Protein backbone atom coordinates (compact mmCIF):
# COMPACT_ATOMS: atom_id res chain seq x y z
CA MET A 1 0.00 0.00 0.00
CA PHE A 2 2.85 2.40 0.87
CA PHE A 3 4.59 1.65 -2.46
CA ILE A 4 1.44 2.50 -4.43
CA CYS A 5 1.17 5.85 -2.64
CA LEU A 6 4.78 6.69 -3.53
CA VAL A 7 4.22 5.82 -7.19
CA ASP A 8 0.98 7.82 -7.32
CA CYS A 9 2.60 10.77 -5.54
CA ASP A 10 5.54 10.65 -7.94
CA VAL A 11 3.19 10.65 -10.94
CA ALA A 12 1.27 13.60 -9.47
CA LEU A 13 4.51 15.50 -8.84
CA ASN A 14 5.68 14.89 -12.40
CA LEU A 15 2.34 16.11 -13.75
CA HIS A 16 2.62 19.23 -11.59
CA ARG A 17 6.14 19.91 -12.93
CA HIS A 18 4.97 19.40 -16.50
CA ASN A 19 2.05 21.81 -16.01
CA TYR A 20 4.34 24.36 -14.37
CA ASN A 21 6.88 24.17 -17.22
CA THR A 22 4.12 24.38 -19.83
CA MET A 23 2.67 27.48 -18.16
CA LYS A 24 6.12 29.03 -17.73
CA ASN A 25 6.92 28.53 -21.44
CA PHE A 26 3.54 29.96 -22.44
CA LEU A 27 3.99 33.07 -20.28
CA THR A 28 7.57 33.55 -21.47
CA GLU A 29 6.40 33.52 -25.09
CA LEU A 30 3.42 35.74 -24.32
CA PHE A 31 5.31 38.38 -22.34
CA GLY A 32 8.78 37.87 -23.76
CA ASN A 33 8.71 41.11 -25.73
CA ILE A 34 7.51 43.11 -22.72
CA VAL A 35 10.00 41.83 -20.15
CA GLN A 36 13.21 41.92 -22.12
CA GLN A 37 16.62 42.00 -20.55
CA TYR A 38 19.37 44.48 -21.25
CA TRP A 39 21.98 43.78 -23.91
CA ILE A 40 24.96 45.75 -25.17
CA GLU A 41 24.79 46.18 -28.93
CA VAL A 42 28.21 46.93 -30.37
CA THR A 43 28.65 47.83 -34.02
CA THR A 44 31.98 48.04 -35.79
CA ALA A 45 32.80 49.69 -39.11
CA ASN A 46 35.79 47.48 -39.81
CA PRO A 47 35.02 44.64 -39.79
CA THR A 48 31.41 45.50 -40.48
CA CYS A 49 29.68 43.60 -37.74
CA VAL A 50 27.07 43.77 -34.95
CA TYR A 51 27.78 42.06 -31.64
CA TYR A 52 25.46 41.50 -28.68
CA PHE A 53 26.79 41.03 -25.17
CA GLY A 54 24.54 40.06 -22.29
CA PRO A 55 22.01 39.56 -20.99
CA PHE A 56 22.15 41.92 -18.02
CA SER A 57 19.43 42.34 -15.43
CA ASN A 58 19.55 46.14 -15.46
CA TYR A 59 20.88 49.12 -17.41
CA LYS A 60 23.55 50.03 -14.86
CA GLU A 61 25.03 46.53 -14.88
CA ALA A 62 25.23 46.58 -18.69
CA LYS A 63 26.78 50.07 -18.74
CA LEU A 64 29.46 49.00 -16.25
CA ALA A 65 30.39 45.99 -18.43
CA GLU A 66 30.40 47.95 -21.71
CA PRO A 67 34.04 49.25 -21.59
CA GLY A 68 35.43 45.72 -21.24
CA PHE A 69 33.74 44.55 -24.44
CA ILE A 70 34.91 47.65 -26.31
CA GLU A 71 38.49 47.07 -25.09
CA ASP A 72 38.36 43.46 -26.32
CA LEU A 73 37.29 44.58 -29.79
CA GLU A 74 39.93 47.33 -29.84
CA SER A 75 42.59 44.73 -28.98
CA GLU A 76 41.45 42.82 -32.07
CA ASN A 77 41.97 46.01 -34.15
CA ALA A 78 38.28 46.63 -34.78
CA GLN A 79 37.58 50.19 -35.94
CA GLY A 80 34.58 52.52 -35.79
CA ILE A 81 33.22 50.97 -32.59
CA LYS A 82 29.86 52.21 -31.30
CA ALA A 83 28.04 50.75 -28.30
CA GLU A 84 24.49 51.10 -27.03
CA VAL A 85 22.61 49.43 -24.19
CA LYS A 86 19.24 48.14 -25.39
CA ARG A 87 16.34 46.12 -24.12
CA CYS A 88 15.99 43.38 -26.69
CA GLN A 89 16.29 39.67 -27.33
CA PRO A 90 18.85 39.15 -30.11
CA GLU A 91 18.39 36.06 -32.23
CA GLU A 92 22.13 35.89 -32.95
CA LEU A 93 25.02 37.22 -30.88
CA THR A 94 27.30 38.06 -33.81
CA MET A 95 26.02 39.25 -37.17
CA PRO A 96 28.48 40.16 -39.91
CA ASN A 97 27.12 42.67 -42.42
């Protein structure tokens, strides 16, 4: 009798987890564009490319990290570097133009 209860409880717990994950995925898709995280968008003229660094939980955190990414690109001889903190969800992290 005890074994049956454990099996039934385990099945119920797995169903609960499945329902929770299903609801979480649904809400993420539904509100994903509203609750976007912060990313640093860095564009370079040479090579012509767009890079995304992140995600960051807030603007200040992203702004504090921005100089490090710019320094890395400068050390690779990238030219015409521009950076901007944005709320977005990039589909790709590096996009050559």
